[in-house]
Amino acid sequence: MSRFLLPLAVFALLVVVLAIGIRHAPEKDIIASPLIGKPAPHFALPDLADPAHTVDSRSLTGRWYLFNVWGTWCFECRAEHDTLLEVRNAAIVPLVGLDWKDDDGEARAWLAQLGNPYQVVAVDHSGRAAIDWGVYGAPETFLVNPQGIVVYKYVGPLTHEVWTHDILPRVPGHPVAGS
């Protein structure tokens, strides 16, 4: 019995030390993206509104934009939808959607019912574009500068607080909303 006591005590001590370290980590809620500071991945995908048309990421160069990965199957995507409409109504940066591994008809119905916050929506049936962007799961949002460089990534449902405190301050010439 006593030969198991020492390893158990060491294990318990290790768990306590790791728990304290995680609890006090300053960036525990941030998943760093290897894309930060690097060019946004190129894509040319069908347009949700008109599948005969292609959404080409090269057409986005020259302006700031938010790139939002979503799907109708994603519960948290519904939770962020009002904030996405707020972003659209603020008209500060265009919002580009990536409908990830979704049914086109369901996606169009979703946007018709809840409102369409996107300037354009690219359709990623295979999931390849999401992989290129390093997406872990929907929703995820990226801020891209006019040079096509990813400057910020947010994992989870976009909120008013994230929009005003984390994204807007990164866009030059745009004061924080509500200040």
N, C-alpha and C. Protein backbone atom coordinates (compact mmCIF):
# COMPACT_ATOMS: atom_id res chain seq x y z
N MET A 1 0.82 -1.19 0.00
CA MET A 1 0.00 0.00 0.00
C MET A 1 0.86 1.25 0.00
N SER A 2 1.94 1.25 0.82
CA SER A 2 2.77 2.45 0.95
C SER A 2 3.56 2.72 -0.33
N ARG A 3 3.81 1.68 -1.15
CA ARG A 3 4.56 1.92 -2.38
C ARG A 3 3.72 2.68 -3.40
N PHE A 4 2.40 2.68 -3.27
CA PHE A 4 1.53 3.45 -4.15
C PHE A 4 1.28 4.85 -3.63
N LEU A 5 1.52 5.06 -2.36
CA LEU A 5 1.25 6.34 -1.72
C LEU A 5 2.16 7.46 -2.25
N LEU A 6 3.44 7.19 -2.39
CA LEU A 6 4.37 8.21 -2.87
C LEU A 6 4.05 8.64 -4.31
N PRO A 7 3.88 7.70 -5.27
CA PRO A 7 3.52 8.13 -6.63
C PRO A 7 2.19 8.88 -6.67
N LEU A 8 1.23 8.47 -5.86
CA LEU A 8 -0.06 9.15 -5.82
C LEU A 8 0.09 10.57 -5.29
N ALA A 9 0.92 10.75 -4.27
CA ALA A 9 1.16 12.08 -3.70
C ALA A 9 1.87 12.98 -4.72
N VAL A 10 2.84 12.43 -5.44
CA VAL A 10 3.55 13.20 -6.46
C VAL A 10 2.59 13.60 -7.58
N PHE A 11 1.75 12.68 -7.99
CA PHE A 11 0.76 12.96 -9.03
C PHE A 11 -0.20 14.06 -8.57
N ALA A 12 -0.69 13.97 -7.35
CA ALA A 12 -1.61 14.98 -6.81
C ALA A 12 -0.94 16.35 -6.76
N LEU A 13 0.31 16.38 -6.35
CA LEU A 13 1.06 17.64 -6.30
C LEU A 13 1.21 18.23 -7.70
N LEU A 14 1.50 17.39 -8.67
CA LEU A 14 1.64 17.83 -10.05
C LEU A 14 0.32 18.41 -10.58
N VAL A 15 -0.78 17.77 -10.28
CA VAL A 15 -2.10 18.27 -10.69
C VAL A 15 -2.36 19.64 -10.08
N VAL A 16 -2.05 19.82 -8.82
CA VAL A 16 -2.26 21.11 -8.14
C VAL A 16 -1.39 22.19 -8.78
N VAL A 17 -0.12 21.89 -9.03
CA VAL A 17 0.78 22.88 -9.64
C VAL A 17 0.30 23.27 -11.03
N LEU A 18 -0.10 22.30 -11.86
CA LEU A 18 -0.60 22.58 -13.20
C LEU A 18 -1.90 23.38 -13.16
N ALA A 19 -2.79 23.04 -12.25
CA ALA A 19 -4.06 23.77 -12.12
C ALA A 19 -3.82 25.22 -11.74
N ILE A 20 -2.92 25.46 -10.81
CA ILE A 20 -2.59 26.84 -10.42
C ILE A 20 -1.98 27.59 -11.59
N GLY A 21 -1.09 26.95 -12.32
CA GLY A 21 -0.45 27.58 -13.48
C GLY A 21 -1.45 27.94 -14.57
N ILE A 22 -2.36 27.04 -14.86
CA ILE A 22 -3.38 27.30 -15.87
C ILE A 22 -4.32 28.41 -15.41
N ARG A 23 -4.71 28.38 -14.15
CA ARG A 23 -5.64 29.38 -13.62
C ARG A 23 -5.06 30.78 -13.69
N HIS A 24 -3.76 30.91 -13.49
CA HIS A 24 -3.13 32.22 -13.46
C HIS A 24 -2.46 32.61 -14.78
N ALA A 25 -2.59 31.77 -15.81
CA ALA A 25 -2.00 32.09 -17.11
C ALA A 25 -2.71 33.30 -17.70
N PRO A 26 -1.99 34.34 -18.12
CA PRO A 26 -2.62 35.57 -18.60
C PRO A 26 -3.37 35.40 -19.92
N GLU A 27 -2.97 34.45 -20.73
CA GLU A 27 -3.61 34.28 -22.04
C GLU A 27 -4.23 32.90 -22.19
N LYS A 28 -4.86 32.42 -21.14
CA LYS A 28 -5.40 31.06 -21.18
C LYS A 28 -6.56 30.90 -22.15
N ASP A 29 -7.25 32.00 -22.48
CA ASP A 29 -8.38 31.93 -23.39
C ASP A 29 -7.99 32.21 -24.84
N ILE A 30 -6.72 32.43 -25.11
CA ILE A 30 -6.27 32.78 -26.44
C ILE A 30 -5.60 31.58 -27.09
N ILE A 31 -6.05 31.26 -28.29
CA ILE A 31 -5.40 30.22 -29.07
C ILE A 31 -4.61 30.97 -30.14
N ALA A 32 -3.31 30.99 -30.00
CA ALA A 32 -2.47 31.72 -30.94
C ALA A 32 -2.56 31.07 -32.31
N SER A 33 -2.61 31.91 -33.31
CA SER A 33 -2.67 31.42 -34.68
C SER A 33 -1.32 31.62 -35.35
N PRO A 34 -0.83 30.60 -36.04
CA PRO A 34 0.43 30.78 -36.78
C PRO A 34 0.26 31.74 -37.96
N LEU A 35 -0.99 32.11 -38.29
CA LEU A 35 -1.23 33.04 -39.40
C LEU A 35 -1.01 34.50 -39.02
N ILE A 36 -1.02 34.82 -37.72
CA ILE A 36 -0.87 36.22 -37.30
C ILE A 36 0.44 36.76 -37.86
N GLY A 37 0.34 37.88 -38.59
CA GLY A 37 1.52 38.49 -39.19
C GLY A 37 1.92 37.89 -40.53
N LYS A 38 1.12 36.95 -41.02
CA LYS A 38 1.43 36.29 -42.30
C LYS A 38 0.28 36.52 -43.29
N PRO A 39 0.55 36.32 -44.57
CA PRO A 39 -0.51 36.50 -45.57
C PRO A 39 -1.69 35.55 -45.34
N ALA A 40 -2.88 36.10 -45.53
CA ALA A 40 -4.09 35.27 -45.44
C ALA A 40 -4.06 34.23 -46.56
N PRO A 41 -4.50 33.02 -46.27
CA PRO A 41 -4.50 31.99 -47.31
C PRO A 41 -5.39 32.37 -48.50
N HIS A 42 -4.93 32.03 -49.67
CA HIS A 42 -5.71 32.28 -50.89
C HIS A 42 -6.82 31.23 -51.01
N PHE A 43 -7.96 31.68 -51.50
CA PHE A 43 -9.03 30.74 -51.83
C PHE A 43 -9.82 31.29 -53.01
N ALA A 44 -10.41 30.40 -53.77
CA ALA A 44 -11.35 30.72 -54.84
C ALA A 44 -12.45 29.67 -54.73
N LEU A 45 -13.58 30.09 -54.18
CA LEU A 45 -14.66 29.16 -53.86
C LEU A 45 -15.99 29.67 -54.41
N PRO A 46 -16.96 28.78 -54.56
CA PRO A 46 -18.27 29.22 -55.03
C PRO A 46 -18.91 30.23 -54.08
N ASP A 47 -19.67 31.15 -54.66
CA ASP A 47 -20.41 32.16 -53.92
C ASP A 47 -21.74 31.53 -53.49
N LEU A 48 -22.09 31.64 -52.21
CA LEU A 48 -23.34 31.07 -51.71
C LEU A 48 -24.54 31.65 -52.45
N ALA A 49 -24.52 32.95 -52.72
CA ALA A 49 -25.65 33.60 -53.38
C ALA A 49 -25.78 33.19 -54.84
N ASP A 50 -24.66 32.92 -55.50
CA ASP A 50 -24.64 32.55 -56.91
C ASP A 50 -23.51 31.55 -57.15
N PRO A 51 -23.80 30.25 -57.01
CA PRO A 51 -22.74 29.23 -57.12
C PRO A 51 -21.98 29.23 -58.45
N ALA A 52 -22.53 29.87 -59.48
CA ALA A 52 -21.82 29.97 -60.76
C ALA A 52 -20.71 31.02 -60.66
N HIS A 53 -20.79 31.87 -59.65
CA HIS A 53 -19.81 32.93 -59.42
C HIS A 53 -18.78 32.43 -58.40
N THR A 54 -17.56 32.92 -58.49
CA THR A 54 -16.49 32.52 -57.57
C THR A 54 -16.12 33.68 -56.65
N VAL A 55 -15.90 33.37 -55.38
CA VAL A 55 -15.36 34.34 -54.43
C VAL A 55 -13.86 34.08 -54.39
N ASP A 56 -13.09 35.06 -54.86
CA ASP A 56 -11.64 34.94 -54.92
C ASP A 56 -11.04 35.88 -53.89
N SER A 57 -10.24 35.34 -53.00
CA SER A 57 -9.67 36.14 -51.92
C SER A 57 -8.78 37.27 -52.44
N ARG A 58 -8.25 37.15 -53.64
CA ARG A 58 -7.42 38.23 -54.19
C ARG A 58 -8.22 39.51 -54.39
N SER A 59 -9.53 39.38 -54.56
CA SER A 59 -10.37 40.57 -54.74
C SER A 59 -10.55 41.35 -53.43
N LEU A 60 -10.15 40.76 -52.31
CA LEU A 60 -10.29 41.41 -51.01
C LEU A 60 -9.09 42.27 -50.64
N THR A 61 -7.99 42.10 -51.36
CA THR A 61 -6.77 42.85 -51.06
C THR A 61 -7.02 44.34 -51.28
N GLY A 62 -6.40 45.15 -50.42
CA GLY A 62 -6.51 46.60 -50.56
C GLY A 62 -7.45 47.24 -49.56
N ARG A 63 -8.08 46.41 -48.71
CA ARG A 63 -8.97 46.95 -47.68
C ARG A 63 -9.00 46.01 -46.48
N TRP A 64 -9.33 46.57 -45.34
CA TRP A 64 -9.52 45.75 -44.14
C TRP A 64 -10.78 44.91 -44.33
N TYR A 65 -10.78 43.69 -43.79
CA TYR A 65 -12.01 42.90 -43.76
C TYR A 65 -11.95 41.89 -42.61
N LEU A 66 -13.14 41.49 -42.18
CA LEU A 66 -13.28 40.41 -41.20
C LEU A 66 -13.68 39.17 -41.96
N PHE A 67 -13.01 38.08 -41.67
CA PHE A 67 -13.29 36.78 -42.29
C PHE A 67 -13.88 35.90 -41.21
N ASN A 68 -15.16 35.52 -41.38
CA ASN A 68 -15.89 34.78 -40.35
C ASN A 68 -16.25 33.39 -40.85
N VAL A 69 -15.79 32.36 -40.13
CA VAL A 69 -16.08 30.97 -40.48
C VAL A 69 -17.30 30.53 -39.66
N TRP A 70 -18.31 30.00 -40.36
CA TRP A 70 -19.57 29.65 -39.70
C TRP A 70 -20.24 28.48 -40.42
N GLY A 71 -21.32 27.99 -39.84
CA GLY A 71 -22.14 26.96 -40.45
C GLY A 71 -23.48 26.90 -39.75
N THR A 72 -24.51 26.47 -40.45
CA THR A 72 -25.84 26.40 -39.84
C THR A 72 -25.90 25.34 -38.75
N TRP A 73 -25.01 24.38 -38.80
CA TRP A 73 -24.95 23.29 -37.82
C TRP A 73 -24.29 23.74 -36.52
N CYS A 74 -23.74 24.95 -36.51
CA CYS A 74 -22.96 25.46 -35.39
C CYS A 74 -23.84 26.26 -34.44
N PHE A 75 -24.05 25.74 -33.24
CA PHE A 75 -24.89 26.39 -32.24
C PHE A 75 -24.36 27.78 -31.88
N GLU A 76 -23.06 27.90 -31.68
CA GLU A 76 -22.46 29.18 -31.29
C GLU A 76 -22.50 30.21 -32.42
N CYS A 77 -22.62 29.75 -33.66
CA CYS A 77 -22.73 30.69 -34.78
C CYS A 77 -24.03 31.48 -34.69
N ARG A 78 -25.06 30.84 -34.21
CA ARG A 78 -26.33 31.55 -34.01
C ARG A 78 -26.18 32.56 -32.89
N ALA A 79 -25.40 32.22 -31.86
CA ALA A 79 -25.20 33.12 -30.73
C ALA A 79 -24.48 34.40 -31.14
N GLU A 80 -23.61 34.34 -32.15
CA GLU A 80 -22.86 35.52 -32.57
C GLU A 80 -23.56 36.32 -33.66
N HIS A 81 -24.67 35.82 -34.18
CA HIS A 81 -25.27 36.42 -35.37
C HIS A 81 -25.68 37.88 -35.17
N ASP A 82 -26.25 38.23 -34.03
CA ASP A 82 -26.63 39.63 -33.78
C ASP A 82 -25.41 40.54 -33.81
N THR A 83 -24.29 40.07 -33.29
CA THR A 83 -23.06 40.88 -33.32
C THR A 83 -22.58 41.04 -34.75
N LEU A 84 -22.70 40.00 -35.57
CA LEU A 84 -22.30 40.12 -36.97
C LEU A 84 -23.16 41.15 -37.69
N LEU A 85 -24.45 41.19 -37.37
CA LEU A 85 -25.32 42.22 -37.95
C LEU A 85 -24.89 43.61 -37.48
N GLU A 86 -24.46 43.72 -36.23
CA GLU A 86 -23.94 44.98 -35.69
C GLU A 86 -22.69 45.41 -36.47
N VAL A 87 -21.81 44.46 -36.76
CA VAL A 87 -20.59 44.75 -37.53
C VAL A 87 -20.97 45.26 -38.92
N ARG A 88 -21.92 44.59 -39.55
CA ARG A 88 -22.37 45.03 -40.88
C ARG A 88 -22.94 46.45 -40.82
N ASN A 89 -23.78 46.71 -39.82
CA ASN A 89 -24.42 48.02 -39.71
C ASN A 89 -23.43 49.13 -39.38
N ALA A 90 -22.33 48.79 -38.71
CA ALA A 90 -21.30 49.79 -38.39
C ALA A 90 -20.58 50.24 -39.66
N ALA A 91 -20.57 49.41 -40.69
CA ALA A 91 -19.98 49.73 -41.99
C ALA A 91 -18.52 50.20 -41.88
N ILE A 92 -17.77 49.61 -40.98
CA ILE A 92 -16.36 49.97 -40.80
C ILE A 92 -15.47 49.03 -41.60
N VAL A 93 -15.74 47.74 -41.50
CA VAL A 93 -15.01 46.75 -42.29
C VAL A 93 -16.03 45.79 -42.89
N PRO A 94 -15.82 45.38 -44.14
CA PRO A 94 -16.73 44.39 -44.71
C PRO A 94 -16.55 43.04 -44.01
N LEU A 95 -17.60 42.29 -43.96
CA LEU A 95 -17.61 40.97 -43.34
C LEU A 95 -17.73 39.93 -44.45
N VAL A 96 -16.73 39.06 -44.53
CA VAL A 96 -16.70 38.00 -45.53
C VAL A 96 -16.95 36.69 -44.79
N GLY A 97 -17.92 35.92 -45.25
CA GLY A 97 -18.25 34.65 -44.60
C GLY A 97 -17.64 33.47 -45.32
N LEU A 98 -17.32 32.45 -44.55
CA LEU A 98 -16.93 31.16 -45.10
C LEU A 98 -17.91 30.14 -44.51
N ASP A 99 -18.85 29.70 -45.34
CA ASP A 99 -19.82 28.70 -44.91
C ASP A 99 -19.13 27.34 -45.01
N TRP A 100 -18.85 26.77 -43.84
CA TRP A 100 -17.96 25.62 -43.72
C TRP A 100 -18.74 24.32 -43.59
N LYS A 101 -18.51 23.42 -44.57
CA LYS A 101 -19.08 22.07 -44.56
C LYS A 101 -20.58 22.11 -44.25
N ASP A 102 -21.31 22.82 -45.06
CA ASP A 102 -22.72 23.08 -44.81
C ASP A 102 -23.54 22.77 -46.06
N ASP A 103 -24.84 22.75 -45.89
CA ASP A 103 -25.78 22.60 -46.99
C ASP A 103 -26.13 23.99 -47.51
N ASP A 104 -25.97 24.21 -48.80
CA ASP A 104 -26.20 25.54 -49.38
C ASP A 104 -27.62 26.04 -49.13
N GLY A 105 -28.61 25.17 -49.31
CA GLY A 105 -30.00 25.57 -49.12
C GLY A 105 -30.28 25.98 -47.67
N GLU A 106 -29.75 25.22 -46.73
CA GLU A 106 -29.92 25.56 -45.32
C GLU A 106 -29.22 26.87 -44.98
N ALA A 107 -28.04 27.09 -45.56
CA ALA A 107 -27.30 28.32 -45.31
C ALA A 107 -28.05 29.54 -45.85
N ARG A 108 -28.59 29.42 -47.07
CA ARG A 108 -29.36 30.54 -47.63
C ARG A 108 -30.61 30.81 -46.80
N ALA A 109 -31.29 29.75 -46.35
CA ALA A 109 -32.49 29.91 -45.52
C ALA A 109 -32.14 30.58 -44.18
N TRP A 110 -31.02 30.17 -43.58
CA TRP A 110 -30.54 30.75 -42.32
C TRP A 110 -30.36 32.26 -42.47
N LEU A 111 -29.66 32.66 -43.54
CA LEU A 111 -29.39 34.08 -43.76
C LEU A 111 -30.67 34.85 -44.10
N ALA A 112 -31.59 34.22 -44.81
CA ALA A 112 -32.86 34.87 -45.12
C ALA A 112 -33.67 35.09 -43.85
N GLN A 113 -33.63 34.12 -42.93
CA GLN A 113 -34.41 34.20 -41.69
C GLN A 113 -33.78 35.17 -40.68
N LEU A 114 -32.45 35.09 -40.48
CA LEU A 114 -31.79 35.86 -39.43
C LEU A 114 -31.21 37.19 -39.91
N GLY A 115 -31.10 37.37 -41.23
CA GLY A 115 -30.46 38.55 -41.79
C GLY A 115 -29.07 38.18 -42.26
N ASN A 116 -28.66 38.79 -43.36
CA ASN A 116 -27.36 38.46 -43.92
C ASN A 116 -26.35 39.56 -43.58
N PRO A 117 -25.41 39.28 -42.68
CA PRO A 117 -24.42 40.28 -42.31
C PRO A 117 -23.24 40.38 -43.28
N TYR A 118 -23.15 39.44 -44.22
CA TYR A 118 -21.97 39.30 -45.04
C TYR A 118 -22.04 40.08 -46.34
N GLN A 119 -20.90 40.62 -46.74
CA GLN A 119 -20.79 41.24 -48.05
C GLN A 119 -20.81 40.13 -49.11
N VAL A 120 -20.16 39.03 -48.78
CA VAL A 120 -20.11 37.87 -49.66
C VAL A 120 -19.86 36.64 -48.79
N VAL A 121 -20.35 35.49 -49.25
CA VAL A 121 -20.14 34.23 -48.52
C VAL A 121 -19.54 33.21 -49.48
N ALA A 122 -18.36 32.72 -49.14
CA ALA A 122 -17.71 31.64 -49.90
C ALA A 122 -18.17 30.32 -49.30
N VAL A 123 -18.33 29.32 -50.14
CA VAL A 123 -18.80 28.01 -49.70
C VAL A 123 -17.62 27.03 -49.70
N ASP A 124 -17.38 26.44 -48.54
CA ASP A 124 -16.26 25.49 -48.38
C ASP A 124 -16.81 24.11 -48.04
N HIS A 125 -17.29 23.40 -49.06
CA HIS A 125 -17.88 22.08 -48.84
C HIS A 125 -16.85 21.07 -48.34
N SER A 126 -15.64 21.11 -48.88
CA SER A 126 -14.63 20.10 -48.54
C SER A 126 -13.94 20.39 -47.21
N GLY A 127 -13.96 21.65 -46.79
CA GLY A 127 -13.26 22.02 -45.56
C GLY A 127 -11.81 22.38 -45.79
N ARG A 128 -11.34 22.35 -47.03
CA ARG A 128 -9.94 22.63 -47.34
C ARG A 128 -9.55 24.06 -46.99
N ALA A 129 -10.41 25.03 -47.34
CA ALA A 129 -10.10 26.44 -47.05
C ALA A 129 -10.01 26.66 -45.55
N ALA A 130 -10.91 26.06 -44.80
CA ALA A 130 -10.87 26.20 -43.33
C ALA A 130 -9.57 25.63 -42.77
N ILE A 131 -9.13 24.52 -43.32
CA ILE A 131 -7.85 23.93 -42.88
C ILE A 131 -6.71 24.90 -43.17
N ASP A 132 -6.73 25.50 -44.37
CA ASP A 132 -5.68 26.45 -44.73
C ASP A 132 -5.64 27.64 -43.77
N TRP A 133 -6.80 28.04 -43.26
CA TRP A 133 -6.89 29.15 -42.30
C TRP A 133 -6.58 28.71 -40.88
N GLY A 134 -6.38 27.41 -40.67
CA GLY A 134 -6.06 26.91 -39.33
C GLY A 134 -7.25 26.90 -38.40
N VAL A 135 -8.43 26.70 -38.96
CA VAL A 135 -9.66 26.71 -38.18
C VAL A 135 -9.77 25.45 -37.33
N TYR A 136 -10.05 25.64 -36.04
CA TYR A 136 -10.26 24.53 -35.11
C TYR A 136 -11.72 24.12 -35.08
N GLY A 137 -12.60 25.10 -35.17
CA GLY A 137 -14.03 24.86 -35.11
C GLY A 137 -14.74 26.19 -35.28
N ALA A 138 -15.98 26.12 -35.71
CA ALA A 138 -16.75 27.35 -35.93
C ALA A 138 -17.41 27.77 -34.62
N PRO A 139 -17.60 29.06 -34.44
CA PRO A 139 -17.16 30.15 -35.29
C PRO A 139 -15.75 30.61 -34.96
N GLU A 140 -15.07 31.10 -35.97
CA GLU A 140 -13.78 31.75 -35.81
C GLU A 140 -13.77 32.96 -36.71
N THR A 141 -13.13 34.03 -36.25
CA THR A 141 -13.11 35.29 -37.00
C THR A 141 -11.69 35.81 -37.08
N PHE A 142 -11.32 36.27 -38.27
CA PHE A 142 -9.98 36.80 -38.54
C PHE A 142 -10.11 38.24 -39.04
N LEU A 143 -9.21 39.10 -38.58
CA LEU A 143 -9.12 40.45 -39.11
C LEU A 143 -7.92 40.48 -40.04
N VAL A 144 -8.15 40.95 -41.28
CA VAL A 144 -7.11 40.98 -42.30
C VAL A 144 -6.92 42.42 -42.76
N ASN A 145 -5.67 42.85 -42.86
CA ASN A 145 -5.37 44.24 -43.24
C ASN A 145 -5.35 44.40 -44.77
N PRO A 146 -5.24 45.64 -45.26
CA PRO A 146 -5.27 45.87 -46.71
C PRO A 146 -4.14 45.18 -47.49
N GLN A 147 -3.05 44.85 -46.83
CA GLN A 147 -1.96 44.13 -47.49
C GLN A 147 -2.22 42.62 -47.53
N GLY A 148 -3.34 42.19 -46.98
CA GLY A 148 -3.68 40.77 -46.98
C GLY A 148 -3.03 40.00 -45.84
N ILE A 149 -2.61 40.70 -44.79
CA ILE A 149 -1.95 40.07 -43.65
C ILE A 149 -2.97 39.86 -42.52
N VAL A 150 -2.98 38.68 -41.94
CA VAL A 150 -3.86 38.39 -40.81
C VAL A 150 -3.28 39.09 -39.58
N VAL A 151 -4.07 39.97 -38.96
CA VAL A 151 -3.58 40.72 -37.81
C VAL A 151 -4.21 40.27 -36.49
N TYR A 152 -5.33 39.51 -36.57
CA TYR A 152 -6.00 39.09 -35.34
C TYR A 152 -6.88 37.89 -35.64
N LYS A 153 -6.98 37.00 -34.65
CA LYS A 153 -7.88 35.85 -34.76
C LYS A 153 -8.64 35.72 -33.46
N TYR A 154 -9.95 35.49 -33.59
CA TYR A 154 -10.78 35.26 -32.41
C TYR A 154 -11.50 33.93 -32.58
N VAL A 155 -11.39 33.08 -31.59
CA VAL A 155 -12.05 31.78 -31.60
C VAL A 155 -13.27 31.85 -30.69
N GLY A 156 -14.42 31.48 -31.23
CA GLY A 156 -15.65 31.51 -30.46
C GLY A 156 -16.61 32.53 -31.04
N PRO A 157 -17.79 32.63 -30.43
CA PRO A 157 -18.79 33.56 -30.95
C PRO A 157 -18.36 35.01 -30.72
N LEU A 158 -18.37 35.78 -31.78
CA LEU A 158 -18.03 37.20 -31.69
C LEU A 158 -19.06 37.91 -30.82
N THR A 159 -18.59 38.75 -29.92
CA THR A 159 -19.48 39.51 -29.04
C THR A 159 -19.25 41.00 -29.26
N HIS A 160 -20.15 41.80 -28.75
CA HIS A 160 -20.00 43.26 -28.82
C HIS A 160 -18.68 43.67 -28.16
N GLU A 161 -18.34 43.06 -27.05
CA GLU A 161 -17.12 43.40 -26.32
C GLU A 161 -15.87 43.09 -27.16
N VAL A 162 -15.84 41.93 -27.78
CA VAL A 162 -14.69 41.57 -28.62
C VAL A 162 -14.61 42.53 -29.81
N TRP A 163 -15.73 42.82 -30.42
CA TRP A 163 -15.77 43.74 -31.56
C TRP A 163 -15.22 45.12 -31.16
N THR A 164 -15.69 45.66 -30.04
CA THR A 164 -15.30 47.02 -29.66
C THR A 164 -13.93 47.10 -28.99
N HIS A 165 -13.54 46.07 -28.24
CA HIS A 165 -12.30 46.16 -27.47
C HIS A 165 -11.11 45.46 -28.11
N ASP A 166 -11.36 44.45 -28.95
CA ASP A 166 -10.26 43.68 -29.52
C ASP A 166 -10.07 43.89 -31.02
N ILE A 167 -11.17 44.16 -31.74
CA ILE A 167 -11.05 44.29 -33.19
C ILE A 167 -10.96 45.75 -33.63
N LEU A 168 -11.92 46.58 -33.25
CA LEU A 168 -11.91 47.99 -33.68
C LEU A 168 -10.61 48.72 -33.39
N PRO A 169 -10.01 48.54 -32.21
CA PRO A 169 -8.74 49.27 -31.96
C PRO A 169 -7.61 48.88 -32.92
N ARG A 170 -7.73 47.76 -33.60
CA ARG A 170 -6.69 47.32 -34.54
C ARG A 170 -6.88 47.92 -35.93
N VAL A 171 -8.06 48.53 -36.17
CA VAL A 171 -8.35 49.12 -37.47
C VAL A 171 -8.02 50.61 -37.41
N PRO A 172 -6.95 51.04 -38.08
CA PRO A 172 -6.55 52.44 -38.01
C PRO A 172 -7.65 53.38 -38.49
N GLY A 173 -7.78 54.51 -37.78
CA GLY A 173 -8.73 55.53 -38.19
C GLY A 173 -10.16 55.30 -37.74
N HIS A 174 -10.38 54.24 -36.96
CA HIS A 174 -11.73 53.96 -36.50
C HIS A 174 -11.76 53.94 -34.98
N PRO A 175 -12.43 54.93 -34.39
CA PRO A 175 -12.50 54.96 -32.92
C PRO A 175 -13.32 53.78 -32.42
N VAL A 176 -13.07 53.42 -31.21
CA VAL A 176 -13.82 52.33 -30.58
C VAL A 176 -15.27 52.78 -30.45
N ALA A 177 -16.18 51.93 -30.91
CA ALA A 177 -17.61 52.27 -30.85
C ALA A 177 -18.04 52.45 -29.40
N GLY A 178 -18.86 53.42 -29.17
CA GLY A 178 -19.40 53.64 -27.82
C GLY A 178 -18.48 54.38 -26.89
N SER A 179 -17.28 54.82 -27.34
CA SER A 179 -16.40 55.54 -26.42
C SER A 179 -16.71 57.01 -26.42
